Amino acid sequence: MLSQFKLQPVAWLTILRFIIGIVFLLIGLPLFLVGVDMSVEKMGDLFSHYVIEHPKKVIAMIGIFGLGFISIIAE
């Protein structure tokens, strides 16, 4: 990376923006992942109890598959 600065000079404003972007990434990504983990865990717990108690398990399993597929696509 340091050799790149000698070969291709970069403005300090660009470097500052890059560092600010890294800081926001390091703060925002863990917060996002904690929120996703909390919500997916609760949904999984609720759906598992629903599937166990519901007489029409196939319909519930299709719904669960659909929500899981949507959450995977969103990530």
N, C-alpha and C. Protein backbone atom coordinates (compact mmCIF):
# COMPACT_ATOMS: atom_id res chain seq x y z
N MET A 1 0.82 -1.19 0.00
CA MET A 1 0.00 0.00 0.00
C MET A 1 0.87 1.26 0.00
N LEU A 2 1.96 1.22 0.74
CA LEU A 2 2.82 2.40 0.79
C LEU A 2 3.49 2.65 -0.55
N SER A 3 3.83 1.59 -1.28
CA SER A 3 4.43 1.78 -2.60
C SER A 3 3.43 2.41 -3.56
N GLN A 4 2.16 2.16 -3.34
CA GLN A 4 1.14 2.76 -4.20
C GLN A 4 1.13 4.29 -4.06
N PHE A 5 1.39 4.80 -2.87
CA PHE A 5 1.41 6.24 -2.67
C PHE A 5 2.58 6.89 -3.42
N LYS A 6 3.68 6.15 -3.58
CA LYS A 6 4.81 6.68 -4.33
C LYS A 6 4.54 6.62 -5.84
N LEU A 7 3.89 5.55 -6.28
CA LEU A 7 3.63 5.39 -7.70
C LEU A 7 2.47 6.26 -8.17
N GLN A 8 1.44 6.35 -7.36
CA GLN A 8 0.23 7.10 -7.73
C GLN A 8 -0.13 8.00 -6.55
N PRO A 9 0.24 9.25 -6.60
CA PRO A 9 -0.08 10.16 -5.47
C PRO A 9 -1.59 10.28 -5.27
N VAL A 10 -1.96 10.30 -4.01
CA VAL A 10 -3.37 10.40 -3.64
C VAL A 10 -3.55 11.63 -2.76
N ALA A 11 -4.63 12.36 -3.01
CA ALA A 11 -4.91 13.55 -2.21
C ALA A 11 -5.24 13.16 -0.77
N TRP A 12 -4.87 14.03 0.16
CA TRP A 12 -5.13 13.75 1.58
C TRP A 12 -6.62 13.70 1.89
N LEU A 13 -7.39 14.45 1.14
CA LEU A 13 -8.84 14.41 1.35
C LEU A 13 -9.40 13.04 1.00
N THR A 14 -8.86 12.42 -0.03
CA THR A 14 -9.28 11.07 -0.41
C THR A 14 -8.91 10.07 0.67
N ILE A 15 -7.72 10.20 1.21
CA ILE A 15 -7.28 9.31 2.29
C ILE A 15 -8.15 9.50 3.52
N LEU A 16 -8.47 10.75 3.84
CA LEU A 16 -9.33 11.04 5.00
C LEU A 16 -10.71 10.43 4.80
N ARG A 17 -11.29 10.56 3.62
CA ARG A 17 -12.59 9.96 3.34
C ARG A 17 -12.54 8.44 3.47
N PHE A 18 -11.44 7.85 3.01
CA PHE A 18 -11.26 6.40 3.11
C PHE A 18 -11.22 5.97 4.57
N ILE A 19 -10.48 6.69 5.39
CA ILE A 19 -10.38 6.35 6.82
C ILE A 19 -11.72 6.52 7.51
N ILE A 20 -12.46 7.57 7.18
CA ILE A 20 -13.79 7.77 7.77
C ILE A 20 -14.72 6.63 7.35
N GLY A 21 -14.62 6.20 6.10
CA GLY A 21 -15.43 5.08 5.64
C GLY A 21 -15.11 3.80 6.38
N ILE A 22 -13.83 3.56 6.65
CA ILE A 22 -13.42 2.37 7.41
C ILE A 22 -13.99 2.43 8.83
N VAL A 23 -13.93 3.59 9.45
CA VAL A 23 -14.45 3.74 10.82
C VAL A 23 -15.96 3.47 10.84
N PHE A 24 -16.70 4.04 9.88
CA PHE A 24 -18.13 3.78 9.82
C PHE A 24 -18.42 2.30 9.58
N LEU A 25 -17.60 1.66 8.75
CA LEU A 25 -17.78 0.24 8.49
C LEU A 25 -17.55 -0.58 9.75
N LEU A 26 -16.49 -0.25 10.49
CA LEU A 26 -16.17 -1.00 11.71
C LEU A 26 -17.21 -0.79 12.81
N ILE A 27 -17.91 0.33 12.78
CA ILE A 27 -18.96 0.57 13.77
C ILE A 27 -20.30 0.00 13.29
N GLY A 28 -20.63 0.24 12.04
CA GLY A 28 -21.95 -0.12 11.53
C GLY A 28 -22.16 -1.60 11.28
N LEU A 29 -21.16 -2.28 10.75
CA LEU A 29 -21.33 -3.70 10.43
C LEU A 29 -21.60 -4.55 11.66
N PRO A 30 -20.85 -4.41 12.75
CA PRO A 30 -21.20 -5.21 13.94
C PRO A 30 -22.60 -4.90 14.48
N LEU A 31 -22.99 -3.62 14.45
CA LEU A 31 -24.35 -3.29 14.92
C LEU A 31 -25.40 -3.94 14.03
N PHE A 32 -25.19 -3.92 12.74
CA PHE A 32 -26.12 -4.56 11.81
C PHE A 32 -26.19 -6.06 12.07
N LEU A 33 -25.04 -6.69 12.25
CA LEU A 33 -25.02 -8.14 12.47
C LEU A 33 -25.65 -8.54 13.80
N VAL A 34 -25.49 -7.71 14.82
CA VAL A 34 -26.14 -7.99 16.10
C VAL A 34 -27.66 -7.92 15.94
N GLY A 35 -28.13 -6.90 15.22
CA GLY A 35 -29.57 -6.78 14.98
C GLY A 35 -30.13 -7.94 14.18
N VAL A 36 -29.40 -8.36 13.15
CA VAL A 36 -29.84 -9.50 12.35
C VAL A 36 -29.85 -10.77 13.19
N ASP A 37 -28.82 -10.96 13.99
CA ASP A 37 -28.75 -12.15 14.83
C ASP A 37 -29.89 -12.19 15.83
N MET A 38 -30.20 -11.05 16.43
CA MET A 38 -31.29 -11.01 17.41
C MET A 38 -32.63 -11.29 16.75
N SER A 39 -32.87 -10.73 15.59
CA SER A 39 -34.17 -10.91 14.95
C SER A 39 -34.33 -12.30 14.37
N VAL A 40 -33.28 -12.83 13.76
CA VAL A 40 -33.38 -14.16 13.15
C VAL A 40 -33.51 -15.22 14.24
N GLU A 41 -32.83 -15.04 15.34
CA GLU A 41 -32.93 -16.01 16.43
C GLU A 41 -34.34 -16.06 17.00
N LYS A 42 -34.96 -14.89 17.18
CA LYS A 42 -36.32 -14.85 17.70
C LYS A 42 -37.31 -15.46 16.71
N MET A 43 -37.12 -15.14 15.41
CA MET A 43 -38.02 -15.70 14.39
C MET A 43 -37.90 -17.22 14.36
N GLY A 44 -36.67 -17.72 14.42
CA GLY A 44 -36.47 -19.16 14.41
C GLY A 44 -37.11 -19.84 15.61
N ASP A 45 -37.01 -19.21 16.76
CA ASP A 45 -37.62 -19.76 17.97
C ASP A 45 -39.14 -19.78 17.86
N LEU A 46 -39.72 -18.68 17.38
CA LEU A 46 -41.17 -18.62 17.23
C LEU A 46 -41.68 -19.63 16.20
N PHE A 47 -40.99 -19.71 15.07
CA PHE A 47 -41.42 -20.63 14.03
C PHE A 47 -41.26 -22.09 14.44
N SER A 48 -40.22 -22.39 15.19
CA SER A 48 -40.05 -23.78 15.61
C SER A 48 -41.18 -24.21 16.54
N HIS A 49 -41.59 -23.33 17.45
CA HIS A 49 -42.73 -23.66 18.32
C HIS A 49 -44.02 -23.76 17.52
N TYR A 50 -44.16 -22.90 16.51
CA TYR A 50 -45.36 -22.92 15.67
C TYR A 50 -45.45 -24.22 14.88
N VAL A 51 -44.33 -24.66 14.33
CA VAL A 51 -44.34 -25.88 13.53
C VAL A 51 -44.66 -27.09 14.40
N ILE A 52 -44.12 -27.11 15.60
CA ILE A 52 -44.37 -28.25 16.50
C ILE A 52 -45.85 -28.33 16.88
N GLU A 53 -46.49 -27.19 17.12
CA GLU A 53 -47.87 -27.18 17.60
C GLU A 53 -48.90 -27.18 16.48
N HIS A 54 -48.53 -26.77 15.28
CA HIS A 54 -49.50 -26.62 14.19
C HIS A 54 -49.78 -27.95 13.52
N PRO A 55 -51.07 -28.27 13.27
CA PRO A 55 -51.40 -29.55 12.65
C PRO A 55 -51.01 -29.60 11.16
N LYS A 56 -51.02 -28.48 10.47
CA LYS A 56 -50.65 -28.47 9.05
C LYS A 56 -49.19 -28.05 8.93
N LYS A 57 -48.30 -28.98 9.18
CA LYS A 57 -46.88 -28.69 9.22
C LYS A 57 -46.32 -28.30 7.86
N VAL A 58 -46.89 -28.81 6.78
CA VAL A 58 -46.36 -28.53 5.44
C VAL A 58 -46.52 -27.05 5.11
N ILE A 59 -47.67 -26.47 5.42
CA ILE A 59 -47.90 -25.05 5.14
C ILE A 59 -46.95 -24.19 5.95
N ALA A 60 -46.76 -24.53 7.21
CA ALA A 60 -45.85 -23.77 8.06
C ALA A 60 -44.41 -23.89 7.56
N MET A 61 -44.02 -25.07 7.13
CA MET A 61 -42.66 -25.28 6.65
C MET A 61 -42.41 -24.51 5.34
N ILE A 62 -43.42 -24.41 4.48
CA ILE A 62 -43.28 -23.63 3.25
C ILE A 62 -43.08 -22.15 3.59
N GLY A 63 -43.85 -21.65 4.54
CA GLY A 63 -43.70 -20.27 4.98
C GLY A 63 -42.33 -20.01 5.58
N ILE A 64 -41.85 -20.93 6.39
CA ILE A 64 -40.53 -20.79 7.00
C ILE A 64 -39.44 -20.81 5.94
N PHE A 65 -39.59 -21.71 4.96
CA PHE A 65 -38.62 -21.75 3.87
C PHE A 65 -38.61 -20.43 3.11
N GLY A 66 -39.79 -19.87 2.86
CA GLY A 66 -39.88 -18.61 2.13
C GLY A 66 -39.19 -17.47 2.88
N LEU A 67 -39.42 -17.37 4.19
CA LEU A 67 -38.76 -16.32 4.97
C LEU A 67 -37.25 -16.53 5.06
N GLY A 68 -36.83 -17.77 5.17
CA GLY A 68 -35.39 -18.05 5.18
C GLY A 68 -34.74 -17.70 3.86
N PHE A 69 -35.43 -18.01 2.76
CA PHE A 69 -34.91 -17.70 1.44
C PHE A 69 -34.79 -16.19 1.25
N ILE A 70 -35.81 -15.46 1.68
CA ILE A 70 -35.78 -13.99 1.56
C ILE A 70 -34.65 -13.40 2.39
N SER A 71 -34.43 -13.93 3.60
CA SER A 71 -33.36 -13.38 4.43
C SER A 71 -31.98 -13.70 3.85
N ILE A 72 -31.84 -14.84 3.20
CA ILE A 72 -30.56 -15.16 2.57
C ILE A 72 -30.32 -14.25 1.38
N ILE A 73 -31.35 -14.00 0.58
CA ILE A 73 -31.22 -13.10 -0.56
C ILE A 73 -30.88 -11.67 -0.09
N ALA A 74 -31.47 -11.26 1.03
CA ALA A 74 -31.23 -9.90 1.54
C ALA A 74 -29.77 -9.74 1.99
N GLU A 75 -29.18 -10.80 2.47
CA GLU A 75 -27.77 -10.71 2.90
C GLU A 75 -26.90 -10.75 1.69
